[in-house]
C-alpha cells in the first residue's frame, strides 16, 4: 500500500464532551494518553501505557481475530474471518469493554457498519437500500433504551466526503477540535502519525495484514456513522441527543483504543493476555 490513508479520529477530542453524556466514556477520559517520540522502532516506543497493545490471535480457527487494550483494563475484541494464509479477510463485529465491565459493540457487513449499540442497550441499526462506490442510501432505526422507543430515519451517505469535512461538521455540533491520525507505508516501512508532531515507525508483517485494513475500516465507519450521527442528531430533542451519542459510543471508543494499542503488535495466544474474552455480539432488535 503506497498511498497515505488519512483518518480523523473523532474519539480523541470527543472524550471530554461525551463524558457528560455516557458513563462508558468516563473511564477513558483519564486513561487514554498521547504517545511521544519521532521515528521510533516498535521495540522502543516512548512511555506507552503499561500493557497496551494489539494482540493477534494465533489460533487461526477462532472467530476472535485480535484484541487491543490500553493497559488499564479497557479493551476491544475483533471478530471475523481470515484468508487461507491467516491474514485478515473480513471484520464482522467489534466488542468494546471498559475496565468496569460496560460493553458496547459494532457489527459489519461487507465492510459497512450495520449496528452500533451502547452499554445501556440503545442502538443505531442501519439497513442499506442503495449501495454504490460513491453513495449509500439507508434506513436507520434508532432505539432509545431510556424511553423504550424506536424511531426511523432515511439517510444518504456520501462516501466521497472527506473525513476532514465530517470532522469539521462534528466539531460545529460539539465545539470540540479534532486531531488527525495518519497511517502511511512509504516503501515497506509503515508509519503511524498520531498528530503532526508524533510519528511511530512499525516494522512488522502483521501491520500490513491486520493494522492497515483495520484502520481503513475505522475510517470508513467514521464516515458512515459520522454522517448518520449528524443527520439524526439534528432531528432529535436535546434529551435524546445524549442517548444517541451513547448508542454510537463503540465507534469513538474503538478509535481511541486503536490509537494506543497500535504501537505494540504481537501474534500470541490471546487467552494469555485477556483472561475473560466476551463472545461475539448478538443483535436483538426492538419493535
C-alpha atoms as a PDB file:
ATOM      1  CA  UNK A   1       0.000   0.000   0.000  1.00  0.00           C
ATOM      2  CA  UNK A   2       1.773   3.137  -1.235  1.00  0.00           C
ATOM      3  CA  UNK A   3      -0.672   5.967  -0.695  1.00  0.00           C
ATOM      4  CA  UNK A   4      -1.478   7.568   2.593  1.00  0.00           C
ATOM      5  CA  UNK A   5      -4.578   6.650   4.495  1.00  0.00           C
ATOM      6  CA  UNK A   6      -5.802   9.632   6.442  1.00  0.00           C
ATOM      7  CA  UNK A   7      -8.452   9.481   9.085  1.00  0.00           C
ATOM      8  CA  UNK A   8      -9.920  11.913  11.518  1.00  0.00           C
ATOM      9  CA  UNK A   9     -10.084  10.297  14.932  1.00  0.00           C
ATOM     10  CA  UNK A  10     -13.329  11.714  16.310  1.00  0.00           C
ATOM     11  CA  UNK A  11     -12.884   9.912  19.611  1.00  0.00           C
ATOM     12  CA  UNK A  12      -9.675  11.544  20.814  1.00  0.00           C
ATOM     13  CA  UNK A  13     -11.034  15.042  21.325  1.00  0.00           C
ATOM     14  CA  UNK A  14     -14.612  13.910  21.884  1.00  0.00           C
ATOM     15  CA  UNK A  15     -13.872  12.054  25.084  1.00  0.00           C
ATOM     16  CA  UNK A  16     -14.305  15.126  27.275  1.00  0.00           C
ATOM     17  CA  UNK A  17     -17.524  16.160  25.531  1.00  0.00           C
ATOM     18  CA  UNK A  18     -19.048  12.703  25.689  1.00  0.00           C
ATOM     19  CA  UNK A  19     -18.173  12.163  29.348  1.00  0.00           C
ATOM     20  CA  UNK A  20     -21.192  14.139  30.475  1.00  0.00           C
ATOM     21  CA  UNK A  21     -23.472  12.027  28.298  1.00  0.00           C
ATOM     22  CA  UNK A  22     -22.465   8.446  28.973  1.00  0.00           C
ATOM     23  CA  UNK A  23     -20.858   6.590  31.849  1.00  0.00           C
ATOM     24  CA  UNK A  24     -18.991   4.330  29.446  1.00  0.00           C
ATOM     25  CA  UNK A  25     -16.966   7.287  28.211  1.00  0.00           C
ATOM     26  CA  UNK A  26     -15.827   8.494  31.622  1.00  0.00           C
ATOM     27  CA  UNK A  27     -13.118   5.871  32.317  1.00  0.00           C
ATOM     28  CA  UNK A  28     -11.325   6.701  29.080  1.00  0.00           C
ATOM     29  CA  UNK A  29     -11.012  10.405  29.763  1.00  0.00           C
ATOM     30  CA  UNK A  30      -8.104   9.964  32.148  1.00  0.00           C
ATOM     31  CA  UNK A  31      -6.746   6.617  30.991  1.00  0.00           C
ATOM     32  CA  UNK A  32      -6.014   7.247  27.334  1.00  0.00           C
ATOM     33  CA  UNK A  33      -2.837   9.219  26.668  1.00  0.00           C
ATOM     34  CA  UNK A  34      -0.850  10.521  23.720  1.00  0.00           C
ATOM     35  CA  UNK A  35       2.449   8.910  22.839  1.00  0.00           C
ATOM     36  CA  UNK A  36       5.649  10.808  22.340  1.00  0.00           C
ATOM     37  CA  UNK A  37       8.657  10.280  20.111  1.00  0.00           C
ATOM     38  CA  UNK A  38       9.663  10.570  16.464  1.00  0.00           C
ATOM     39  CA  UNK A  39      10.621   7.789  14.051  1.00  0.00           C
ATOM     40  CA  UNK A  40      10.803   5.184  16.815  1.00  0.00           C
ATOM     41  CA  UNK A  41      11.102   1.455  16.222  1.00  0.00           C
ATOM     42  CA  UNK A  42       8.238  -0.602  17.651  1.00  0.00           C
ATOM     43  CA  UNK A  43      10.572  -2.093  20.232  1.00  0.00           C
ATOM     44  CA  UNK A  44      11.486   1.332  21.560  1.00  0.00           C
ATOM     45  CA  UNK A  45       8.191   3.164  22.000  1.00  0.00           C
ATOM     46  CA  UNK A  46       8.480   6.084  24.381  1.00  0.00           C
ATOM     47  CA  UNK A  47       6.379   5.552  27.510  1.00  0.00           C
ATOM     48  CA  UNK A  48       3.434   3.573  26.118  1.00  0.00           C
ATOM     49  CA  UNK A  49       0.679   2.762  28.611  1.00  0.00           C
ATOM     50  CA  UNK A  50       1.737  -0.340  30.538  1.00  0.00           C
ATOM     51  CA  UNK A  51       0.402  -3.455  28.834  1.00  0.00           C
ATOM     52  CA  UNK A  52      -1.058  -1.538  25.901  1.00  0.00           C
ATOM     53  CA  UNK A  53      -1.005  -3.384  22.615  1.00  0.00           C
ATOM     54  CA  UNK A  54      -2.830  -5.030  19.744  1.00  0.00           C
ATOM     55  CA  UNK A  55      -2.696  -8.814  20.066  1.00  0.00           C
ATOM     56  CA  UNK A  56      -3.315 -11.012  17.017  1.00  0.00           C
ATOM     57  CA  UNK A  57      -4.866 -14.394  17.850  1.00  0.00           C
ATOM     58  CA  UNK A  58      -2.526 -17.252  16.938  1.00  0.00           C
ATOM     59  CA  UNK A  59      -5.482 -19.663  16.699  1.00  0.00           C
ATOM     60  CA  UNK A  60      -6.446 -19.210  13.044  1.00  0.00           C
ATOM     61  CA  UNK A  61      -9.600 -21.305  13.501  1.00  0.00           C
ATOM     62  CA  UNK A  62     -11.030 -18.947  16.102  1.00  0.00           C
ATOM     63  CA  UNK A  63     -13.593 -16.257  15.167  1.00  0.00           C
ATOM     64  CA  UNK A  64     -11.725 -13.902  17.506  1.00  0.00           C
ATOM     65  CA  UNK A  65      -9.144 -12.255  15.244  1.00  0.00           C
ATOM     66  CA  UNK A  66      -7.451  -9.800  17.581  1.00  0.00           C
ATOM     67  CA  UNK A  67      -7.884  -7.713  20.699  1.00  0.00           C
ATOM     68  CA  UNK A  68      -6.477  -4.384  21.808  1.00  0.00           C
ATOM     69  CA  UNK A  69      -6.074  -2.796  25.219  1.00  0.00           C
ATOM     70  CA  UNK A  70      -4.800   0.411  26.729  1.00  0.00           C
ATOM     71  CA  UNK A  71      -3.248  -1.496  29.630  1.00  0.00           C
ATOM     72  CA  UNK A  72      -5.769  -0.152  32.160  1.00  0.00           C
ATOM     73  CA  UNK A  73      -8.338  -2.863  31.564  1.00  0.00           C
ATOM     74  CA  UNK A  74     -10.247  -1.177  28.739  1.00  0.00           C
ATOM     75  CA  UNK A  75     -10.214  -3.314  25.600  1.00  0.00           C
ATOM     76  CA  UNK A  76     -11.786  -4.100  22.242  1.00  0.00           C
ATOM     77  CA  UNK A  77     -12.215  -7.528  20.649  1.00  0.00           C
ATOM     78  CA  UNK A  78     -12.422  -8.013  16.876  1.00  0.00           C
ATOM     79  CA  UNK A  79     -14.337 -10.961  15.384  1.00  0.00           C
ATOM     80  CA  UNK A  80     -14.457 -12.096  11.764  1.00  0.00           C
ATOM     81  CA  UNK A  81     -12.809 -14.338   9.177  1.00  0.00           C
ATOM     82  CA  UNK A  82      -9.284 -14.934   7.872  1.00  0.00           C
ATOM     83  CA  UNK A  83      -7.826 -15.706   4.485  1.00  0.00           C
ATOM     84  CA  UNK A  84      -6.177 -19.086   3.869  1.00  0.00           C
ATOM     85  CA  UNK A  85      -2.780 -17.595   4.754  1.00  0.00           C
ATOM     86  CA  UNK A  86      -4.083 -16.338   8.089  1.00  0.00           C
ATOM     87  CA  UNK A  87      -4.343 -12.678   7.114  1.00  0.00           C
ATOM     88  CA  UNK A  88      -7.427 -10.620   7.877  1.00  0.00           C
ATOM     89  CA  UNK A  89     -10.302 -11.272   5.462  1.00  0.00           C
ATOM     90  CA  UNK A  90     -13.343  -9.539   6.947  1.00  0.00           C
ATOM     91  CA  UNK A  91     -14.270  -7.931  10.250  1.00  0.00           C
ATOM     92  CA  UNK A  92     -17.763  -8.942  11.314  1.00  0.00           C
ATOM     93  CA  UNK A  93     -18.009  -7.294  14.726  1.00  0.00           C
ATOM     94  CA  UNK A  94     -16.113  -5.405  17.411  1.00  0.00           C
ATOM     95  CA  UNK A  95     -16.918  -5.595  21.129  1.00  0.00           C
ATOM     96  CA  UNK A  96     -15.659  -2.741  23.319  1.00  0.00           C
ATOM     97  CA  UNK A  97     -15.416  -3.291  27.061  1.00  0.00           C
ATOM     98  CA  UNK A  98     -14.311  -0.927  29.801  1.00  0.00           C
ATOM     99  CA  UNK A  99     -12.403  -1.920  32.901  1.00  0.00           C
ATOM    100  CA  UNK A 100     -15.690  -1.529  34.779  1.00  0.00           C
ATOM    101  CA  UNK A 101     -17.246  -4.215  32.588  1.00  0.00           C
ATOM    102  CA  UNK A 102     -19.512  -1.992  30.480  1.00  0.00           C
ATOM    103  CA  UNK A 103     -19.895  -3.412  26.973  1.00  0.00           C
ATOM    104  CA  UNK A 104     -20.863  -1.977  23.624  1.00  0.00           C
ATOM    105  CA  UNK A 105     -20.377  -3.219  20.080  1.00  0.00           C
ATOM    106  CA  UNK A 106     -20.439  -2.584  16.331  1.00  0.00           C
ATOM    107  CA  UNK A 107     -21.304  -5.125  13.633  1.00  0.00           C
ATOM    108  CA  UNK A 108     -20.336  -5.000   9.956  1.00  0.00           C
ATOM    109  CA  UNK A 109     -21.466  -6.461   6.660  1.00  0.00           C
ATOM    110  CA  UNK A 110     -19.154  -6.276   3.635  1.00  0.00           C
ATOM    111  CA  UNK A 111     -17.118  -3.628   5.413  1.00  0.00           C
ATOM    112  CA  UNK A 112     -20.120  -1.407   6.195  1.00  0.00           C
ATOM    113  CA  UNK A 113     -21.332  -0.786   9.753  1.00  0.00           C
ATOM    114  CA  UNK A 114     -24.822  -2.190  10.284  1.00  0.00           C
ATOM    115  CA  UNK A 115     -25.389  -1.927  14.031  1.00  0.00           C
ATOM    116  CA  UNK A 116     -23.847   0.148  16.828  1.00  0.00           C
ATOM    117  CA  UNK A 117     -25.072  -0.453  20.361  1.00  0.00           C
ATOM    118  CA  UNK A 118     -24.152   1.366  23.555  1.00  0.00           C
ATOM    119  CA  UNK A 119     -23.882  -0.057  27.076  1.00  0.00           C
ATOM    120  CA  UNK A 120     -27.455   0.848  28.026  1.00  0.00           C
ATOM    121  CA  UNK A 121     -28.916  -1.067  25.063  1.00  0.00           C
ATOM    122  CA  UNK A 122     -29.585   1.993  22.923  1.00  0.00           C
ATOM    123  CA  UNK A 123     -28.610   1.341  19.324  1.00  0.00           C
ATOM    124  CA  UNK A 124     -28.404   2.571  15.748  1.00  0.00           C
ATOM    125  CA  UNK A 125     -29.340  -0.119  13.207  1.00  0.00           C
ATOM    126  CA  UNK A 126     -28.644   0.521   9.510  1.00  0.00           C
ATOM    127  CA  UNK A 127     -30.498  -1.159   6.618  1.00  0.00           C
ATOM    128  CA  UNK A 128     -28.910  -0.231   3.292  1.00  0.00           C
ATOM    129  CA  UNK A 129     -31.307   0.360   0.398  1.00  0.00           C
ATOM    130  CA  UNK A 130     -28.764   1.517  -2.195  1.00  0.00           C
ATOM    131  CA  UNK A 131     -25.056   0.737  -2.331  1.00  0.00           C
ATOM    132  CA  UNK A 132     -22.529   2.200  -4.765  1.00  0.00           C
ATOM    133  CA  UNK A 133     -18.865   3.177  -4.701  1.00  0.00           C
ATOM    134  CA  UNK A 134     -19.791   6.823  -4.168  1.00  0.00           C
ATOM    135  CA  UNK A 135     -23.009   6.818  -2.173  1.00  0.00           C
ATOM    136  CA  UNK A 136     -25.123   4.833   0.246  1.00  0.00           C
ATOM    137  CA  UNK A 137     -28.816   5.175   0.981  1.00  0.00           C
ATOM    138  CA  UNK A 138     -30.202   3.570   4.088  1.00  0.00           C
ATOM    139  CA  UNK A 139     -32.941   3.459   6.664  1.00  0.00           C
ATOM    140  CA  UNK A 140     -31.659   3.938  10.199  1.00  0.00           C
ATOM    141  CA  UNK A 141     -33.581   2.647  13.201  1.00  0.00           C
ATOM    142  CA  UNK A 142     -32.598   4.403  16.427  1.00  0.00           C
ATOM    143  CA  UNK A 143     -33.621   2.689  19.654  1.00  0.00           C
ATOM    144  CA  UNK A 144     -33.756   4.878  22.760  1.00  0.00           C
ATOM    145  CA  UNK A 145     -33.410   2.431  25.664  1.00  0.00           C
ATOM    146  CA  UNK A 146     -34.275   5.090  28.232  1.00  0.00           C
ATOM    147  CA  UNK A 147     -37.707   5.626  26.698  1.00  0.00           C
ATOM    148  CA  UNK A 148     -38.073   2.160  25.125  1.00  0.00           C
ATOM    149  CA  UNK A 149     -38.889   3.801  21.800  1.00  0.00           C
ATOM    150  CA  UNK A 150     -37.788   3.198  18.198  1.00  0.00           C
ATOM    151  CA  UNK A 151     -37.508   5.964  15.588  1.00  0.00           C
ATOM    152  CA  UNK A 152     -36.673   5.534  11.884  1.00  0.00           C
ATOM    153  CA  UNK A 153     -34.773   7.984   9.693  1.00  0.00           C
ATOM    154  CA  UNK A 154     -33.892   7.880   5.969  1.00  0.00           C
ATOM    155  CA  UNK A 155     -30.278   8.897   5.337  1.00  0.00           C
ATOM    156  CA  UNK A 156     -27.984   9.369   2.349  1.00  0.00           C
ATOM    157  CA  UNK A 157     -24.240   8.956   2.847  1.00  0.00           C
ATOM    158  CA  UNK A 158     -21.620  10.451   0.546  1.00  0.00           C
ATOM    159  CA  UNK A 159     -18.658   8.074   0.596  1.00  0.00           C
ATOM    160  CA  UNK A 160     -16.540  10.602  -1.289  1.00  0.00           C
ATOM    161  CA  UNK A 161     -16.913  13.097   1.513  1.00  0.00           C
ATOM    162  CA  UNK A 162     -13.545  13.713   3.141  1.00  0.00           C
ATOM    163  CA  UNK A 163     -13.107  12.687   6.732  1.00  0.00           C
ATOM    164  CA  UNK A 164     -11.907  16.204   7.352  1.00  0.00           C
ATOM    165  CA  UNK A 165     -15.277  17.552   6.232  1.00  0.00           C
ATOM    166  CA  UNK A 166     -17.104  15.146   8.526  1.00  0.00           C
ATOM    167  CA  UNK A 167     -14.802  16.130  11.385  1.00  0.00           C
ATOM    168  CA  UNK A 168     -15.434  19.823  10.789  1.00  0.00           C
ATOM    169  CA  UNK A 169     -19.191  19.262  10.797  1.00  0.00           C
ATOM    170  CA  UNK A 170     -18.992  17.269  14.000  1.00  0.00           C
ATOM    171  CA  UNK A 171     -16.834  19.991  15.510  1.00  0.00           C
ATOM    172  CA  UNK A 172     -19.522  22.527  14.639  1.00  0.00           C
ATOM    173  CA  UNK A 173     -22.021  20.449  16.631  1.00  0.00           C
ATOM    174  CA  UNK A 174     -19.807  19.672  19.622  1.00  0.00           C
ATOM    175  CA  UNK A 175     -17.403  22.605  19.736  1.00  0.00           C
ATOM    176  CA  UNK A 176     -14.516  20.147  20.030  1.00  0.00           C
ATOM    177  CA  UNK A 177     -11.307  20.307  17.980  1.00  0.00           C
ATOM    178  CA  UNK A 178     -10.486  17.029  16.246  1.00  0.00           C
ATOM    179  CA  UNK A 179      -6.963  15.660  15.781  1.00  0.00           C
ATOM    180  CA  UNK A 180      -5.717  13.844  12.692  1.00  0.00           C
ATOM    181  CA  UNK A 181      -4.346  10.310  12.707  1.00  0.00           C
ATOM    182  CA  UNK A 182      -2.393   9.315   9.615  1.00  0.00           C
ATOM    183  CA  UNK A 183      -1.108   5.895   8.581  1.00  0.00           C
ATOM    184  CA  UNK A 184       1.286   5.551   5.685  1.00  0.00           C
ATOM    185  CA  UNK A 185       3.526   2.964   4.041  1.00  0.00           C
ATOM    186  CA  UNK A 186       6.422   4.536   2.174  1.00  0.00           C
ATOM    187  CA  UNK A 187       8.484   1.729   0.695  1.00  0.00           C
ATOM    188  CA  UNK A 188       7.816  -1.013   3.221  1.00  0.00           C
ATOM    189  CA  UNK A 189       8.125   0.969   6.447  1.00  0.00           C
ATOM    190  CA  UNK A 190       4.583   1.692   7.666  1.00  0.00           C
ATOM    191  CA  UNK A 191       4.238   4.651   9.992  1.00  0.00           C
ATOM    192  CA  UNK A 192       1.527   5.844  12.322  1.00  0.00           C
ATOM    193  CA  UNK A 193       1.129   9.578  12.785  1.00  0.00           C
ATOM    194  CA  UNK A 194      -0.941  10.358  15.878  1.00  0.00           C
ATOM    195  CA  UNK A 195      -0.727  14.077  15.170  1.00  0.00           C
ATOM    196  CA  UNK A 196       1.536  16.466  13.313  1.00  0.00           C
ATOM    197  CA  UNK A 197       4.313  16.104  15.896  1.00  0.00           C
ATOM    198  CA  UNK A 198       4.283  12.360  16.593  1.00  0.00           C
ATOM    199  CA  UNK A 199       5.281   9.583  14.236  1.00  0.00           C
ATOM    200  CA  UNK A 200       5.875   5.950  15.148  1.00  0.00           C
ATOM    201  CA  UNK A 201       7.531   3.569  12.694  1.00  0.00           C
ATOM    202  CA  UNK A 202       6.323  -0.016  12.888  1.00  0.00           C
ATOM    203  CA  UNK A 203       8.258  -2.867  11.263  1.00  0.00           C
ATOM    204  CA  UNK A 204       6.018  -5.915  11.204  1.00  0.00           C
ATOM    205  CA  UNK A 205       4.295  -8.055   8.554  1.00  0.00           C
ATOM    206  CA  UNK A 206       1.285  -8.040  10.864  1.00  0.00           C
ATOM    207  CA  UNK A 207       0.973  -4.322  10.184  1.00  0.00           C
ATOM    208  CA  UNK A 208       0.038  -4.813   6.539  1.00  0.00           C
ATOM    209  CA  UNK A 209      -2.030  -7.944   7.230  1.00  0.00           C
ATOM    210  CA  UNK A 210      -4.130  -6.580  10.098  1.00  0.00           C
ATOM    211  CA  UNK A 211      -3.462  -2.976  11.070  1.00  0.00           C
ATOM    212  CA  UNK A 212      -3.890  -1.164   7.764  1.00  0.00           C
ATOM    213  CA  UNK A 213      -7.181  -2.981   6.961  1.00  0.00           C
ATOM    214  CA  UNK A 214      -8.456  -2.266  10.469  1.00  0.00           C
ATOM    215  CA  UNK A 215      -7.541   1.416  10.265  1.00  0.00           C
ATOM    216  CA  UNK A 216      -9.239   1.634   6.850  1.00  0.00           C
ATOM    217  CA  UNK A 217     -12.348   0.016   8.325  1.00  0.00           C
ATOM    218  CA  UNK A 218     -12.401   2.509  11.187  1.00  0.00           C
ATOM    219  CA  UNK A 219     -12.024   5.344   8.668  1.00  0.00           C
ATOM    220  CA  UNK A 220     -14.993   4.301   6.509  1.00  0.00           C
ATOM    221  CA  UNK A 221     -17.016   3.586   9.654  1.00  0.00           C
ATOM    222  CA  UNK A 222     -16.360   7.122  10.845  1.00  0.00           C
ATOM    223  CA  UNK A 223     -17.645   8.486   7.536  1.00  0.00           C
ATOM    224  CA  UNK A 224     -20.823   6.403   7.616  1.00  0.00           C
ATOM    225  CA  UNK A 225     -21.685   6.648  11.305  1.00  0.00           C
ATOM    226  CA  UNK A 226     -20.435  10.231  11.453  1.00  0.00           C
ATOM    227  CA  UNK A 227     -22.901  11.291   8.769  1.00  0.00           C
ATOM    228  CA  UNK A 228     -25.683   9.256  10.378  1.00  0.00           C
ATOM    229  CA  UNK A 229     -24.903  10.933  13.691  1.00  0.00           C
ATOM    230  CA  UNK A 230     -25.139  14.402  12.171  1.00  0.00           C
ATOM    231  CA  UNK A 231     -28.424  13.645  10.389  1.00  0.00           C
ATOM    232  CA  UNK A 232     -30.173  12.138  13.406  1.00  0.00           C
ATOM    233  CA  UNK A 233     -28.596  14.463  15.976  1.00  0.00           C
ATOM    234  CA  UNK A 234     -30.148  17.471  14.264  1.00  0.00           C
ATOM    235  CA  UNK A 235     -33.614  15.898  14.286  1.00  0.00           C
ATOM    236  CA  UNK A 236     -33.986  14.631  17.846  1.00  0.00           C
ATOM    237  CA  UNK A 237     -34.638  16.503  21.076  1.00  0.00           C
ATOM    238  CA  UNK A 238     -31.739  17.579  23.247  1.00  0.00           C
ATOM    239  CA  UNK A 239     -32.536  14.929  25.854  1.00  0.00           C
ATOM    240  CA  UNK A 240     -32.379  12.231  23.163  1.00  0.00           C
ATOM    241  CA  UNK A 241     -29.114  13.541  21.689  1.00  0.00           C
ATOM    242  CA  UNK A 242     -27.281  12.223  24.755  1.00  0.00           C
ATOM    243  CA  UNK A 243     -28.778   8.774  24.212  1.00  0.00           C
ATOM    244  CA  UNK A 244     -27.770   8.877  20.543  1.00  0.00           C
ATOM    245  CA  UNK A 245     -24.162   9.599  21.480  1.00  0.00           C
ATOM    246  CA  UNK A 246     -24.281   6.680  23.913  1.00  0.00           C
ATOM    247  CA  UNK A 247     -25.527   4.399  21.127  1.00  0.00           C
ATOM    248  CA  UNK A 248     -22.565   5.417  18.959  1.00  0.00           C
ATOM    249  CA  UNK A 249     -20.054   5.119  21.805  1.00  0.00           C
ATOM    250  CA  UNK A 250     -18.433   1.967  20.313  1.00  0.00           C
ATOM    251  CA  UNK A 251     -17.152   3.949  17.318  1.00  0.00           C
ATOM    252  CA  UNK A 252     -15.462   6.583  19.455  1.00  0.00           C
ATOM    253  CA  UNK A 253     -14.031   4.086  21.942  1.00  0.00           C
ATOM    254  CA  UNK A 254     -12.710   1.743  19.260  1.00  0.00           C
ATOM    255  CA  UNK A 255     -10.906   4.579  17.501  1.00  0.00           C
ATOM    256  CA  UNK A 256      -9.356   5.800  20.751  1.00  0.00           C
ATOM    257  CA  UNK A 257      -8.163   2.374  21.857  1.00  0.00           C
ATOM    258  CA  UNK A 258      -6.745   1.711  18.392  1.00  0.00           C
ATOM    259  CA  UNK A 259      -4.539   4.784  18.685  1.00  0.00           C
ATOM    260  CA  UNK A 260      -2.994   3.479  21.902  1.00  0.00           C
ATOM    261  CA  UNK A 261      -2.770  -0.241  21.114  1.00  0.00           C
ATOM    262  CA  UNK A 262      -1.385   0.059  17.577  1.00  0.00           C
ATOM    263  CA  UNK A 263       2.086   0.911  18.879  1.00  0.00           C
ATOM    264  CA  UNK A 264       2.607  -2.686  20.011  1.00  0.00           C
ATOM    265  CA  UNK A 265       1.590  -5.592  17.763  1.00  0.00           C
ATOM    266  CA  UNK A 266       2.071  -9.247  18.741  1.00  0.00           C
ATOM    267  CA  UNK A 267       0.952 -12.645  17.449  1.00  0.00           C
ATOM    268  CA  UNK A 268       0.033 -14.509  20.623  1.00  0.00           C
ATOM    269  CA  UNK A 269      -2.459 -16.750  22.378  1.00  0.00           C
ATOM    270  CA  UNK A 270      -4.922 -14.044  23.327  1.00  0.00           C
ATOM    271  CA  UNK A 271      -6.062 -16.008  26.377  1.00  0.00           C
ATOM    272  CA  UNK A 272      -2.681 -15.292  27.976  1.00  0.00           C
ATOM    273  CA  UNK A 273      -3.425 -11.561  27.820  1.00  0.00           C
ATOM    274  CA  UNK A 274      -7.199 -11.495  28.354  1.00  0.00           C
ATOM    275  CA  UNK A 275      -8.376 -13.999  30.990  1.00  0.00           C
ATOM    276  CA  UNK A 276     -12.021 -13.249  30.160  1.00  0.00           C
ATOM    277  CA  UNK A 277     -12.981 -12.913  26.491  1.00  0.00           C
ATOM    278  CA  UNK A 278     -16.536 -11.878  25.582  1.00  0.00           C
ATOM    279  CA  UNK A 279     -18.398 -13.856  22.908  1.00  0.00           C
ATOM    280  CA  UNK A 280     -19.258 -12.287  19.547  1.00  0.00           C
ATOM    281  CA  UNK A 281     -22.188  -9.865  19.911  1.00  0.00           C
ATOM    282  CA  UNK A 282     -25.778 -10.942  19.364  1.00  0.00           C
ATOM    283  CA  UNK A 283     -28.212  -8.407  17.895  1.00  0.00           C
ATOM    284  CA  UNK A 284     -31.742  -8.126  19.299  1.00  0.00           C
ATOM    285  CA  UNK A 285     -33.915  -5.574  17.504  1.00  0.00           C
ATOM    286  CA  UNK A 286     -36.750  -3.822  19.313  1.00  0.00           C
ATOM    287  CA  UNK A 287     -40.129  -3.364  17.635  1.00  0.00           C
END
